[in-house]
Amino acid sequence: HVQLVESGGGSVQAGGSLTLACEFSGSTYGNCMGWFRQAPGKEREGLAALYSDGSVKYADSVKGRFTISRDNAKRMLSPQMNSLKLDDTAMYYCAAEARRCLLADQWTYWGQGTQVTVS
């Protein structure tokens, strides 16, 4: 009972910044929300999990570079991505609800994704 729509993807030069957005809807936000990415030929990679109390856990690969905020009034979950690297190129997805809210868990709801290309 959650719908997610990502936006904000595009092309950016290495070292630049980009802000994505995930607009969410539903009767509940679930126990947690998350951001993931998948590059061609690679497995899906968890980036961050945001909990109902507002706390966020970041994967080591993006810690210190990505900052995720949630605006409940706007129903928006936005990661600000700084110091982008070539290997940040991927399709980025937001997700909601996981049993343990771990990035390795199977998440229940997914958006369609938005492409980020760093060159």
N, C-alpha and C. Protein backbone atom coordinates (compact mmCIF):
# COMPACT_ATOMS: atom_id res chain seq x y z
N HIS A 1 0.82 -1.19 0.00
CA HIS A 1 0.00 0.00 0.00
C HIS A 1 0.87 1.26 0.00
N VAL A 2 1.96 1.21 -0.69
CA VAL A 2 2.88 2.33 -0.81
C VAL A 2 3.26 2.47 -2.28
N GLN A 3 3.23 3.69 -2.78
CA GLN A 3 3.68 3.99 -4.13
C GLN A 3 4.84 4.96 -4.06
N LEU A 4 5.84 4.72 -4.89
CA LEU A 4 7.07 5.50 -4.89
C LEU A 4 7.39 5.92 -6.31
N VAL A 5 7.77 7.18 -6.50
CA VAL A 5 8.14 7.70 -7.80
C VAL A 5 9.43 8.49 -7.66
N GLU A 6 10.50 8.03 -8.32
CA GLU A 6 11.77 8.73 -8.28
C GLU A 6 11.85 9.77 -9.39
N SER A 7 12.66 10.80 -9.13
CA SER A 7 12.90 11.83 -10.13
C SER A 7 14.23 12.50 -9.81
N GLY A 8 14.69 13.35 -10.71
CA GLY A 8 15.88 14.14 -10.47
C GLY A 8 17.14 13.59 -11.08
N GLY A 9 17.08 12.44 -11.73
CA GLY A 9 18.26 11.89 -12.35
C GLY A 9 18.71 12.70 -13.54
N GLY A 10 19.93 12.45 -13.97
CA GLY A 10 20.49 13.15 -15.11
C GLY A 10 21.97 12.91 -15.21
N SER A 11 22.62 13.72 -16.01
CA SER A 11 24.06 13.63 -16.22
C SER A 11 24.78 14.73 -15.46
N VAL A 12 25.91 14.37 -14.87
CA VAL A 12 26.68 15.32 -14.09
C VAL A 12 28.16 14.96 -14.24
N GLN A 13 29.02 15.96 -14.17
CA GLN A 13 30.44 15.71 -14.25
C GLN A 13 30.97 15.23 -12.90
N ALA A 14 32.02 14.45 -12.96
CA ALA A 14 32.65 13.97 -11.74
C ALA A 14 32.99 15.14 -10.82
N GLY A 15 32.72 14.95 -9.55
CA GLY A 15 32.92 16.00 -8.57
C GLY A 15 31.71 16.88 -8.35
N GLY A 16 30.73 16.75 -9.21
CA GLY A 16 29.54 17.56 -9.11
C GLY A 16 28.53 16.99 -8.14
N SER A 17 27.37 17.62 -8.10
CA SER A 17 26.32 17.24 -7.18
C SER A 17 25.00 17.07 -7.91
N LEU A 18 24.14 16.29 -7.30
CA LEU A 18 22.83 16.04 -7.86
C LEU A 18 21.89 15.70 -6.71
N THR A 19 20.67 16.16 -6.80
CA THR A 19 19.67 15.85 -5.80
C THR A 19 18.53 15.08 -6.45
N LEU A 20 18.26 13.91 -5.93
CA LEU A 20 17.16 13.10 -6.40
C LEU A 20 15.97 13.29 -5.48
N ALA A 21 14.85 12.76 -5.88
CA ALA A 21 13.66 12.82 -5.05
C ALA A 21 12.86 11.55 -5.21
N CYS A 22 12.24 11.15 -4.14
CA CYS A 22 11.31 10.04 -4.16
C CYS A 22 10.02 10.52 -3.52
N GLU A 23 9.00 10.66 -4.32
CA GLU A 23 7.70 11.04 -3.81
C GLU A 23 6.92 9.78 -3.45
N PHE A 24 6.45 9.74 -2.23
CA PHE A 24 5.81 8.54 -1.75
C PHE A 24 4.36 8.82 -1.34
N SER A 25 3.56 7.79 -1.44
CA SER A 25 2.15 7.88 -1.06
C SER A 25 1.72 6.57 -0.44
N GLY A 26 0.63 6.63 0.30
CA GLY A 26 0.10 5.45 0.96
C GLY A 26 -0.35 5.78 2.36
N SER A 27 -1.03 4.85 2.96
CA SER A 27 -1.56 5.08 4.30
C SER A 27 -0.48 5.02 5.37
N THR A 28 0.64 4.43 5.04
CA THR A 28 1.75 4.34 5.97
C THR A 28 3.06 4.40 5.21
N TYR A 29 4.09 4.91 5.87
CA TYR A 29 5.42 4.92 5.28
C TYR A 29 6.15 3.61 5.53
N GLY A 30 5.52 2.73 6.29
CA GLY A 30 6.16 1.48 6.65
C GLY A 30 7.18 1.68 7.76
N ASN A 31 7.91 0.64 8.03
CA ASN A 31 8.89 0.70 9.09
C ASN A 31 10.17 1.43 8.70
N CYS A 32 10.41 1.55 7.40
CA CYS A 32 11.61 2.21 6.93
C CYS A 32 11.52 2.44 5.43
N MET A 33 12.40 3.30 4.93
CA MET A 33 12.55 3.53 3.50
C MET A 33 14.02 3.44 3.16
N GLY A 34 14.32 3.20 1.90
CA GLY A 34 15.70 3.05 1.51
C GLY A 34 15.97 3.54 0.11
N TRP A 35 17.25 3.77 -0.17
CA TRP A 35 17.73 4.09 -1.51
C TRP A 35 18.73 3.05 -1.94
N PHE A 36 18.62 2.65 -3.19
CA PHE A 36 19.47 1.63 -3.78
C PHE A 36 19.91 2.09 -5.16
N ARG A 37 20.89 1.41 -5.71
CA ARG A 37 21.29 1.67 -7.08
C ARG A 37 21.76 0.37 -7.72
N GLN A 38 21.69 0.34 -9.03
CA GLN A 38 22.18 -0.81 -9.78
C GLN A 38 22.81 -0.33 -11.07
N ALA A 39 24.07 -0.65 -11.24
CA ALA A 39 24.79 -0.32 -12.44
C ALA A 39 24.73 -1.51 -13.40
N PRO A 40 24.90 -1.27 -14.70
CA PRO A 40 24.85 -2.38 -15.66
C PRO A 40 25.84 -3.47 -15.32
N GLY A 41 25.36 -4.70 -15.31
CA GLY A 41 26.21 -5.84 -15.04
C GLY A 41 26.57 -6.03 -13.59
N LYS A 42 26.03 -5.22 -12.70
CA LYS A 42 26.34 -5.33 -11.28
C LYS A 42 25.10 -5.62 -10.47
N GLU A 43 25.31 -6.16 -9.28
CA GLU A 43 24.21 -6.42 -8.38
C GLU A 43 23.69 -5.11 -7.79
N ARG A 44 22.45 -5.15 -7.34
CA ARG A 44 21.87 -4.00 -6.68
C ARG A 44 22.64 -3.70 -5.40
N GLU A 45 22.88 -2.43 -5.16
CA GLU A 45 23.66 -1.98 -4.02
C GLU A 45 22.81 -1.09 -3.13
N GLY A 46 22.73 -1.41 -1.86
CA GLY A 46 22.04 -0.57 -0.92
C GLY A 46 22.87 0.65 -0.55
N LEU A 47 22.23 1.79 -0.47
CA LEU A 47 22.93 3.05 -0.20
C LEU A 47 22.59 3.63 1.17
N ALA A 48 21.34 3.61 1.52
CA ALA A 48 20.92 4.23 2.77
C ALA A 48 19.56 3.71 3.17
N ALA A 49 19.33 3.64 4.46
CA ALA A 49 18.03 3.29 5.01
C ALA A 49 17.61 4.39 5.97
N LEU A 50 16.38 4.83 5.83
CA LEU A 50 15.83 5.87 6.69
C LEU A 50 14.71 5.28 7.51
N TYR A 51 14.76 5.51 8.81
CA TYR A 51 13.83 4.90 9.74
C TYR A 51 12.73 5.87 10.13
N SER A 52 11.70 5.33 10.75
CA SER A 52 10.54 6.14 11.08
C SER A 52 10.86 7.26 12.07
N ASP A 53 11.91 7.10 12.86
CA ASP A 53 12.29 8.14 13.80
C ASP A 53 13.16 9.22 13.17
N GLY A 54 13.43 9.10 11.87
CA GLY A 54 14.22 10.08 11.17
C GLY A 54 15.69 9.76 11.04
N SER A 55 16.15 8.75 11.71
CA SER A 55 17.56 8.38 11.63
C SER A 55 17.86 7.72 10.30
N VAL A 56 19.11 7.80 9.88
CA VAL A 56 19.55 7.28 8.60
C VAL A 56 20.83 6.50 8.79
N LYS A 57 20.92 5.35 8.14
CA LYS A 57 22.16 4.59 8.06
C LYS A 57 22.63 4.60 6.62
N TYR A 58 23.89 4.95 6.42
CA TYR A 58 24.46 5.03 5.08
C TYR A 58 25.45 3.91 4.85
N ALA A 59 25.47 3.42 3.63
CA ALA A 59 26.51 2.48 3.24
C ALA A 59 27.85 3.20 3.19
N ASP A 60 28.92 2.45 3.41
CA ASP A 60 30.24 3.05 3.42
C ASP A 60 30.58 3.74 2.11
N SER A 61 30.04 3.23 1.01
CA SER A 61 30.38 3.77 -0.29
C SER A 61 29.89 5.20 -0.49
N VAL A 62 28.89 5.61 0.26
CA VAL A 62 28.33 6.94 0.08
C VAL A 62 28.38 7.78 1.35
N LYS A 63 28.84 7.22 2.43
CA LYS A 63 28.89 7.94 3.69
C LYS A 63 29.75 9.19 3.56
N GLY A 64 29.22 10.30 3.99
CA GLY A 64 29.92 11.57 3.88
C GLY A 64 29.69 12.30 2.59
N ARG A 65 29.09 11.65 1.60
CA ARG A 65 28.81 12.27 0.31
C ARG A 65 27.32 12.41 0.04
N PHE A 66 26.54 11.47 0.52
CA PHE A 66 25.10 11.50 0.31
C PHE A 66 24.41 11.88 1.61
N THR A 67 23.41 12.72 1.51
CA THR A 67 22.59 13.11 2.65
C THR A 67 21.13 12.97 2.26
N ILE A 68 20.40 12.19 3.03
CA ILE A 68 19.00 11.92 2.73
C ILE A 68 18.12 12.58 3.76
N SER A 69 17.12 13.30 3.28
CA SER A 69 16.14 13.92 4.15
C SER A 69 14.74 13.52 3.73
N ARG A 70 13.83 13.56 4.68
CA ARG A 70 12.43 13.25 4.40
C ARG A 70 11.56 14.43 4.80
N ASP A 71 10.72 14.84 3.88
CA ASP A 71 9.78 15.91 4.12
C ASP A 71 8.39 15.30 4.10
N ASN A 72 7.85 15.06 5.27
CA ASN A 72 6.56 14.40 5.35
C ASN A 72 5.43 15.25 4.77
N ALA A 73 5.53 16.57 4.92
CA ALA A 73 4.49 17.45 4.39
C ALA A 73 4.44 17.37 2.87
N LYS A 74 5.60 17.29 2.24
CA LYS A 74 5.66 17.19 0.79
C LYS A 74 5.66 15.74 0.32
N ARG A 75 5.68 14.82 1.25
CA ARG A 75 5.75 13.39 0.95
C ARG A 75 6.92 13.11 0.01
N MET A 76 8.09 13.58 0.42
CA MET A 76 9.26 13.52 -0.41
C MET A 76 10.45 12.99 0.38
N LEU A 77 11.21 12.11 -0.23
CA LEU A 77 12.44 11.59 0.32
C LEU A 77 13.55 11.95 -0.66
N SER A 78 14.47 12.81 -0.23
CA SER A 78 15.43 13.40 -1.16
C SER A 78 16.87 13.13 -0.74
N PRO A 79 17.63 12.44 -1.57
CA PRO A 79 19.06 12.31 -1.33
C PRO A 79 19.83 13.38 -2.09
N GLN A 80 20.64 14.15 -1.36
CA GLN A 80 21.57 15.08 -1.97
C GLN A 80 22.89 14.36 -2.13
N MET A 81 23.37 14.27 -3.35
CA MET A 81 24.56 13.51 -3.66
C MET A 81 25.66 14.46 -4.07
N ASN A 82 26.73 14.47 -3.31
CA ASN A 82 27.86 15.36 -3.54
C ASN A 82 29.10 14.57 -3.91
N SER A 83 30.07 15.26 -4.48
CA SER A 83 31.35 14.65 -4.84
C SER A 83 31.15 13.38 -5.64
N LEU A 84 30.33 13.45 -6.65
CA LEU A 84 29.98 12.27 -7.42
C LEU A 84 31.19 11.72 -8.17
N LYS A 85 31.25 10.41 -8.22
CA LYS A 85 32.33 9.70 -8.88
C LYS A 85 31.80 8.95 -10.09
N LEU A 86 32.72 8.54 -10.95
CA LEU A 86 32.32 7.80 -12.13
C LEU A 86 31.55 6.54 -11.77
N ASP A 87 31.96 5.86 -10.72
CA ASP A 87 31.27 4.62 -10.36
C ASP A 87 29.97 4.85 -9.60
N ASP A 88 29.55 6.10 -9.47
CA ASP A 88 28.21 6.39 -8.98
C ASP A 88 27.17 6.27 -10.09
N THR A 89 27.62 6.09 -11.31
CA THR A 89 26.70 5.92 -12.43
C THR A 89 25.87 4.67 -12.24
N ALA A 90 24.56 4.82 -12.22
CA ALA A 90 23.66 3.70 -11.97
C ALA A 90 22.22 4.17 -12.09
N MET A 91 21.33 3.21 -12.08
CA MET A 91 19.92 3.50 -11.90
C MET A 91 19.66 3.53 -10.40
N TYR A 92 19.04 4.59 -9.94
CA TYR A 92 18.78 4.77 -8.52
C TYR A 92 17.31 4.53 -8.21
N TYR A 93 17.06 3.77 -7.16
CA TYR A 93 15.71 3.39 -6.77
C TYR A 93 15.46 3.74 -5.31
N CYS A 94 14.25 4.13 -5.02
CA CYS A 94 13.84 4.19 -3.63
C CYS A 94 12.91 3.02 -3.34
N ALA A 95 12.88 2.63 -2.09
CA ALA A 95 12.12 1.47 -1.67
C ALA A 95 11.54 1.73 -0.28
N ALA A 96 10.57 0.90 0.09
CA ALA A 96 9.94 1.03 1.39
C ALA A 96 9.63 -0.34 1.96
N GLU A 97 9.69 -0.42 3.25
CA GLU A 97 9.34 -1.59 4.05
C GLU A 97 10.27 -2.77 3.83
N ALA A 98 10.98 -3.10 4.88
CA ALA A 98 11.81 -4.30 4.93
C ALA A 98 11.70 -4.88 6.32
N ARG A 99 11.81 -6.18 6.41
CA ARG A 99 11.57 -6.86 7.68
C ARG A 99 12.46 -6.34 8.80
N ARG A 100 13.73 -6.21 8.50
CA ARG A 100 14.69 -5.75 9.50
C ARG A 100 15.27 -4.38 9.17
N CYS A 101 14.82 -3.78 8.08
CA CYS A 101 15.31 -2.49 7.63
C CYS A 101 16.81 -2.50 7.37
N LEU A 102 17.31 -3.64 6.97
CA LEU A 102 18.69 -3.76 6.54
C LEU A 102 18.74 -3.67 5.02
N LEU A 103 19.81 -3.08 4.52
CA LEU A 103 19.92 -2.89 3.08
C LEU A 103 19.95 -4.20 2.32
N ALA A 104 20.40 -5.27 2.97
CA ALA A 104 20.45 -6.58 2.33
C ALA A 104 19.12 -7.31 2.36
N ASP A 105 18.14 -6.79 3.06
CA ASP A 105 16.83 -7.43 3.15
C ASP A 105 16.07 -7.32 1.83
N GLN A 106 15.02 -8.11 1.72
CA GLN A 106 14.10 -7.97 0.60
C GLN A 106 13.10 -6.87 0.93
N TRP A 107 13.13 -5.80 0.18
CA TRP A 107 12.24 -4.68 0.41
C TRP A 107 10.94 -4.88 -0.36
N THR A 108 9.86 -4.37 0.19
CA THR A 108 8.53 -4.69 -0.31
C THR A 108 8.10 -3.82 -1.48
N TYR A 109 8.33 -2.53 -1.41
CA TYR A 109 7.84 -1.60 -2.41
C TYR A 109 9.00 -0.90 -3.09
N TRP A 110 8.87 -0.73 -4.40
CA TRP A 110 9.93 -0.11 -5.21
C TRP A 110 9.37 0.90 -6.19
N GLY A 111 10.15 1.94 -6.45
CA GLY A 111 9.83 2.86 -7.51
C GLY A 111 10.39 2.37 -8.83
N GLN A 112 10.20 3.17 -9.88
CA GLN A 112 10.64 2.79 -11.22
C GLN A 112 12.11 3.09 -11.47
N GLY A 113 12.71 3.95 -10.66
CA GLY A 113 14.11 4.27 -10.80
C GLY A 113 14.35 5.55 -11.60
N THR A 114 15.50 6.17 -11.36
CA THR A 114 15.93 7.33 -12.12
C THR A 114 17.42 7.19 -12.40
N GLN A 115 17.81 7.48 -13.63
CA GLN A 115 19.18 7.23 -14.06
C GLN A 115 20.09 8.39 -13.68
N VAL A 116 21.25 8.06 -13.12
CA VAL A 116 22.30 9.02 -12.83
C VAL A 116 23.54 8.61 -13.61
N THR A 117 24.07 9.53 -14.39
CA THR A 117 25.27 9.26 -15.18
C THR A 117 26.34 10.29 -14.82
N VAL A 118 27.47 9.81 -14.37
CA VAL A 118 28.59 10.66 -13.99
C VAL A 118 29.70 10.46 -15.01
N SER A 119 30.21 11.55 -15.56
CA SER A 119 31.25 11.47 -16.57
C SER A 119 32.33 12.50 -16.33
